[in-house]
Amino acid sequence: MARQKKEQEDNNAVSLKALTKSSVWDIQENDIFRMLESGVKDADVRENFRHYVDIIRCAFEIVDIPELTPNVKKAYTKQGYKVGEIKLEEENHLNWGLRKKPIMRVTDLTYENIRHISAAKLIEVLDRNFGGGWDSLSQSIQDIIQSGFDISTTTLPKDRLHKKGGMYEKKIEDGFEVLEVAKGNWVEAIFAKPKPQQERLRMKFNDEDSPVEEEDEDADVIVDDDYKNHDEEESIVEDPNDDEITEENYSTMMDLGSEDPDDEAAQLIEFVDE
């Protein structure tokens, strides 16, 4: 039993060491206290304690409570904090109040947390902040959202938006969440769907200086450069009509099959003379 407990503690300590600014959004306050309780038994964790605190602060509000009395604990608990004690050493301990940072406004969205919310949650956040539509968001916020979600928009008259067989119906069938933003007699529909997770490989060099591919445990999300807002109708590039071909818009390349440029030139001169 003691051995199993020790193994569990070791696993918890490893979990703390593996915590990243992205994965910290997946855990709750009780998980933090549990990991810290076991993790601080590791000398390396104690030595780099500030590093782990910085990671935790990415997703949690931390209140350092000087004296943890029952009344103080009750007051913080009523505000949504989880309160606990962290024993760093025998005579050194911390009283913390922890509370997960809320994602209420578009300014709360970050590259670290964008993949840890659902499309429904994103639509809720956008709805709470909207007014001018998708283009009213700053480019930086758009980039953050598009790093985790496929986004497309269309603006149509109210009576055409829900047209049977139209873009709205197809997007809903494809699993998109939608936010409708009224613009007079028109409506802008913003569609959002989580992107599949992608892993980015980074290169490291071994002793022979040969590159080795390695999976990045906390890799940033790969973002394509060709994000565009899609309207209901896509523009089509038509092939030029044969009747409209002119000297200016027509060009071709020929391979005369001659290996020697001089021979090729001589043949052309003879042809002209003839």
Protein backbone atom coordinates (compact mmCIF):
# COMPACT_ATOMS: atom_id res chain seq x y z
CA MET A 1 0.00 0.00 0.00
CA ALA A 2 2.81 2.41 0.92
CA ARG A 3 4.55 1.53 -2.35
CA GLN A 4 1.42 2.28 -4.38
CA LYS A 5 1.04 5.60 -2.59
CA LYS A 6 4.65 6.48 -3.34
CA GLU A 7 4.18 5.59 -7.05
CA GLN A 8 1.07 7.76 -7.17
CA GLU A 9 2.98 10.66 -5.65
CA ASP A 10 5.74 10.22 -8.20
CA ASN A 11 3.20 10.26 -11.02
CA ASN A 12 1.72 13.45 -9.64
CA ALA A 13 5.14 15.09 -9.48
CA VAL A 14 5.81 14.12 -13.11
CA SER A 15 2.46 15.61 -14.08
CA LEU A 16 3.50 18.91 -12.52
CA LYS A 17 6.78 18.88 -14.41
CA ALA A 18 4.94 18.16 -17.65
CA LEU A 19 2.51 21.03 -17.15
CA THR A 20 2.53 23.60 -19.97
CA LYS A 21 0.87 26.95 -20.61
CA SER A 22 -1.58 25.15 -22.84
CA SER A 23 -2.32 21.94 -20.91
CA VAL A 24 -2.87 23.87 -17.66
CA TRP A 25 -6.23 24.95 -19.08
CA ASP A 26 -7.40 21.32 -18.98
CA ILE A 27 -7.16 20.97 -15.20
CA GLN A 28 -9.04 22.36 -12.20
CA GLU A 29 -8.09 23.97 -8.89
CA ASN A 30 -8.08 20.69 -6.95
CA ASP A 31 -5.69 19.20 -9.52
CA ILE A 32 -3.25 22.06 -8.93
CA PHE A 33 -3.23 21.55 -5.17
CA ARG A 34 -2.82 17.81 -5.62
CA MET A 35 0.11 18.16 -8.01
CA LEU A 36 1.80 20.79 -5.86
CA GLU A 37 1.41 18.69 -2.72
CA SER A 38 3.38 15.86 -4.30
CA GLY A 39 5.53 17.92 -6.61
CA VAL A 40 7.17 20.09 -3.95
CA LYS A 41 8.70 16.95 -2.44
CA ASP A 42 11.00 17.01 -5.47
CA ALA A 43 14.05 19.22 -4.91
CA ASP A 44 14.07 20.22 -8.58
CA VAL A 45 10.47 21.42 -8.34
CA ARG A 46 11.23 23.45 -5.22
CA GLU A 47 14.24 25.01 -6.90
CA ASN A 48 12.19 26.00 -9.96
CA PHE A 49 8.97 26.72 -8.08
CA ARG A 50 8.54 30.19 -9.62
CA HIS A 51 8.59 28.62 -13.10
CA TYR A 52 5.63 26.38 -12.25
CA VAL A 53 3.79 29.27 -10.62
CA ASP A 54 4.14 31.29 -13.84
CA ILE A 55 2.61 28.41 -15.80
CA ILE A 56 -0.27 28.07 -13.32
CA ARG A 57 -0.92 31.83 -13.53
CA CYS A 58 -1.67 31.46 -17.25
CA ALA A 59 -4.99 29.78 -16.42
CA PHE A 60 -5.62 30.59 -12.74
CA GLU A 61 -5.95 33.61 -10.53
CA ILE A 62 -3.70 33.12 -7.50
CA VAL A 63 -4.24 34.92 -4.21
CA ASP A 64 -1.54 34.61 -1.56
CA ILE A 65 -3.36 34.63 1.79
CA PRO A 66 -1.14 35.71 4.72
CA GLU A 67 -3.27 34.11 7.42
CA LEU A 68 -5.81 31.41 6.67
CA THR A 69 -8.51 31.77 9.30
CA PRO A 70 -11.97 30.14 8.96
CA ASN A 71 -13.58 33.51 8.18
CA VAL A 72 -10.99 34.36 5.53
CA LYS A 73 -11.36 30.93 3.94
CA LYS A 74 -15.14 31.32 3.88
CA ALA A 75 -14.88 34.75 2.27
CA TYR A 76 -12.64 33.51 -0.55
CA THR A 77 -14.74 30.39 -1.06
CA LYS A 78 -17.82 32.56 -1.58
CA GLN A 79 -15.92 34.35 -4.36
CA GLY A 80 -15.33 31.05 -6.18
CA TYR A 81 -11.79 30.35 -4.94
CA LYS A 82 -10.48 26.98 -3.85
CA VAL A 83 -8.36 27.55 -0.76
CA GLY A 84 -5.52 25.32 0.34
CA GLU A 85 -2.11 25.12 1.98
CA ILE A 86 1.10 24.26 0.17
CA LYS A 87 3.96 23.03 2.37
CA LEU A 88 7.24 23.82 0.67
CA GLU A 89 9.34 22.81 3.69
CA GLU A 90 8.63 21.98 7.32
CA GLU A 91 8.52 25.62 8.42
CA ASN A 92 7.71 27.18 5.06
CA HIS A 93 4.22 27.03 3.62
CA LEU A 94 1.87 29.02 1.41
CA ASN A 95 -1.83 29.68 1.73
CA TRP A 96 -3.33 30.00 -1.71
CA GLY A 97 -6.70 30.89 -3.14
CA LEU A 98 -7.06 29.50 -6.68
CA ARG A 99 -9.71 30.36 -9.23
CA LYS A 100 -9.82 29.44 -12.92
CA LYS A 101 -9.63 32.50 -15.11
CA PRO A 102 -12.97 33.07 -16.85
CA ILE A 103 -13.17 33.41 -20.63
CA MET A 104 -15.89 36.01 -20.95
CA ARG A 105 -14.62 38.50 -23.53
CA VAL A 106 -12.74 38.18 -26.79
CA THR A 107 -9.76 39.81 -25.06
CA ASP A 108 -9.62 36.78 -22.73
CA LEU A 109 -8.80 34.53 -25.70
CA THR A 110 -5.17 33.48 -26.12
CA TYR A 111 -3.21 31.04 -28.25
CA GLU A 112 -2.88 28.86 -25.12
CA ASN A 113 -6.59 28.59 -24.28
CA ILE A 114 -8.29 28.83 -27.68
CA ARG A 115 -8.17 25.06 -28.21
CA HIS A 116 -9.57 24.37 -24.77
CA ILE A 117 -12.99 25.87 -25.40
CA SER A 118 -15.85 24.52 -27.51
CA ALA A 119 -17.34 26.18 -30.57
CA ALA A 120 -20.49 26.84 -28.54
CA LYS A 121 -18.38 28.64 -25.92
CA LEU A 122 -16.65 30.68 -28.62
CA ILE A 123 -20.02 31.73 -30.06
CA GLU A 124 -21.12 32.73 -26.54
CA VAL A 125 -18.01 34.88 -26.11
CA LEU A 126 -18.45 36.49 -29.53
CA ASP A 127 -22.13 37.15 -28.88
CA ARG A 128 -21.26 38.92 -25.63
CA ASN A 129 -18.80 41.23 -27.37
CA PHE A 130 -20.24 41.73 -30.82
CA GLY A 131 -21.90 44.61 -32.52
CA GLY A 132 -20.09 45.26 -35.78
CA GLY A 133 -19.61 41.67 -36.92
CA TRP A 134 -16.47 39.64 -37.62
CA ASP A 135 -14.59 42.54 -39.19
CA SER A 136 -15.04 44.57 -36.01
CA LEU A 137 -12.56 42.26 -34.27
CA SER A 138 -8.91 43.23 -34.28
CA GLN A 139 -6.62 41.25 -36.56
CA SER A 140 -4.78 39.80 -33.55
CA ILE A 141 -8.02 38.43 -32.05
CA GLN A 142 -9.05 37.02 -35.44
CA ASP A 143 -5.68 35.26 -35.73
CA ILE A 144 -6.06 33.71 -32.26
CA ILE A 145 -9.57 32.45 -33.03
CA GLN A 146 -8.57 31.08 -36.42
CA SER A 147 -5.66 29.20 -34.90
CA GLY A 148 -8.21 26.93 -33.21
CA PHE A 149 -11.35 27.23 -35.32
CA ASP A 150 -12.44 27.21 -38.94
CA ILE A 151 -14.31 30.48 -39.42
CA SER A 152 -16.49 31.51 -42.35
CA THR A 153 -19.03 34.30 -42.73
CA THR A 154 -21.82 35.35 -45.01
CA THR A 155 -24.09 38.42 -45.03
CA LEU A 156 -27.54 38.07 -46.55
CA PRO A 157 -31.02 39.57 -46.32
CA LYS A 158 -32.98 38.12 -43.41
CA ASP A 159 -35.39 36.22 -45.66
CA ARG A 160 -32.56 34.54 -47.60
CA LEU A 161 -30.23 33.49 -44.79
CA HIS A 162 -32.18 30.34 -43.89
CA LYS A 163 -32.97 29.42 -47.47
CA LYS A 164 -33.33 25.65 -47.85
CA GLY A 165 -30.18 24.10 -49.23
CA GLY A 166 -28.18 27.28 -48.72
CA MET A 167 -24.88 27.89 -46.96
CA TYR A 168 -26.49 28.19 -43.52
CA GLU A 169 -28.11 24.77 -43.71
CA LYS A 170 -24.97 23.12 -45.11
CA LYS A 171 -22.73 24.59 -42.40
CA ILE A 172 -25.04 23.41 -39.61
CA GLU A 173 -25.12 19.91 -41.10
CA ASP A 174 -21.31 19.98 -41.21
CA GLY A 175 -21.11 20.61 -37.46
CA PHE A 176 -20.56 24.38 -37.37
CA GLU A 177 -21.93 26.59 -34.60
CA VAL A 178 -23.37 29.88 -35.84
CA LEU A 179 -23.82 33.40 -34.54
CA GLU A 180 -26.23 35.75 -36.30
CA VAL A 181 -25.46 39.47 -36.14
CA ALA A 182 -28.30 41.76 -37.25
CA LYS A 183 -27.36 44.56 -39.64
CA GLY A 184 -30.59 46.34 -40.43
CA ASN A 185 -32.51 44.22 -42.90
CA TRP A 186 -29.45 42.04 -43.43
CA VAL A 187 -27.84 39.44 -41.17
CA GLU A 188 -24.20 38.43 -40.90
CA ALA A 189 -23.79 34.76 -40.03
CA ILE A 190 -20.48 33.74 -38.44
CA PHE A 191 -19.79 30.00 -38.52
CA ALA A 192 -17.25 28.32 -36.22
CA LYS A 193 -15.98 24.76 -36.01
CA PRO A 194 -12.95 23.42 -34.07
CA LYS A 195 -9.95 22.58 -36.19
CA PRO A 196 -8.41 19.12 -35.86
CA GLN A 197 -5.35 19.04 -33.63
CA GLN A 198 -2.05 19.29 -35.48
CA GLU A 199 1.39 18.53 -34.13
CA ARG A 200 4.46 20.44 -35.20
CA LEU A 201 7.85 18.79 -35.38
CA ARG A 202 10.96 20.64 -34.29
CA MET A 203 14.52 19.78 -35.20
CA LYS A 204 17.30 18.98 -32.82
CA PHE A 205 20.85 17.85 -33.52
CA ASN A 206 22.51 14.77 -32.15
CA ASP A 207 26.19 14.36 -31.46
CA GLU A 208 26.91 13.82 -35.17
CA ASP A 209 25.20 17.13 -36.00
CA SER A 210 22.57 15.34 -38.07
CA PRO A 211 19.06 16.72 -37.74
CA VAL A 212 16.58 14.60 -35.83
CA GLU A 213 12.85 15.19 -35.85
CA GLU A 214 11.28 15.50 -32.43
CA GLU A 215 7.67 16.05 -31.42
CA ASP A 216 7.21 19.31 -29.54
CA GLU A 217 5.21 18.55 -26.39
CA ASP A 218 3.91 22.11 -26.23
CA ALA A 219 3.99 22.98 -29.90
CA ASP A 220 2.22 26.03 -31.12
CA VAL A 221 -0.74 25.46 -33.37
CA ILE A 222 0.09 25.43 -37.08
CA VAL A 223 -1.88 28.17 -38.73
CA ASP A 224 -2.35 28.27 -42.49
CA ASP A 225 -1.65 31.60 -44.13
CA ASP A 226 -4.67 31.48 -46.40
CA TYR A 227 -7.49 32.08 -43.97
CA LYS A 228 -10.25 33.89 -45.74
CA ASN A 229 -13.82 34.73 -44.88
CA HIS A 230 -16.09 32.81 -47.22
CA ASP A 231 -19.12 34.39 -48.80
CA GLU A 232 -22.03 32.34 -50.05
CA GLU A 233 -20.81 32.54 -53.64
CA GLU A 234 -17.21 31.80 -54.58
CA SER A 235 -15.54 33.73 -57.37
CA ILE A 236 -14.80 31.64 -60.47
CA VAL A 237 -11.86 32.23 -62.78
CA GLU A 238 -12.89 31.41 -66.33
CA ASP A 239 -10.55 30.23 -69.07
CA PRO A 240 -10.02 32.89 -71.77
CA ASN A 241 -12.18 32.52 -74.85
CA ASP A 242 -10.23 31.42 -77.95
CA ASP A 243 -11.65 34.35 -79.88
CA GLU A 244 -10.17 36.75 -77.36
CA ILE A 245 -6.60 35.45 -77.63
CA THR A 246 -4.26 38.17 -78.81
CA GLU A 247 -0.54 38.55 -79.24
CA GLU A 248 -0.33 40.22 -75.86
CA ASN A 249 -2.12 37.53 -73.86
CA TYR A 250 -0.79 34.47 -75.62
CA SER A 251 2.57 32.86 -75.00
CA THR A 252 4.01 29.40 -75.49
CA MET A 253 7.22 27.53 -74.89
CA MET A 254 8.82 25.14 -77.40
CA ASP A 255 11.58 22.60 -77.13
CA LEU A 256 13.30 22.32 -80.48
CA GLY A 257 15.17 19.26 -79.29
CA SER A 258 18.62 20.60 -80.08
CA GLU A 259 21.34 20.06 -77.55
CA ASP A 260 23.65 22.72 -79.00
CA PRO A 261 22.36 26.32 -78.98
CA ASP A 262 24.67 27.23 -81.88
CA ASP A 263 23.35 24.39 -84.05
CA GLU A 264 19.84 25.51 -83.24
CA ALA A 265 20.62 29.08 -84.33
CA ALA A 266 22.26 27.90 -87.54
CA GLN A 267 19.24 25.82 -88.48
CA LEU A 268 16.99 28.81 -88.02
CA ILE A 269 19.22 30.98 -90.26
CA GLU A 270 19.21 28.33 -93.01
CA PHE A 271 15.44 28.11 -92.83
CA VAL A 272 15.12 31.87 -93.24
CA ASP A 273 17.52 31.93 -96.20
CA GLU A 274 15.50 29.28 -97.94
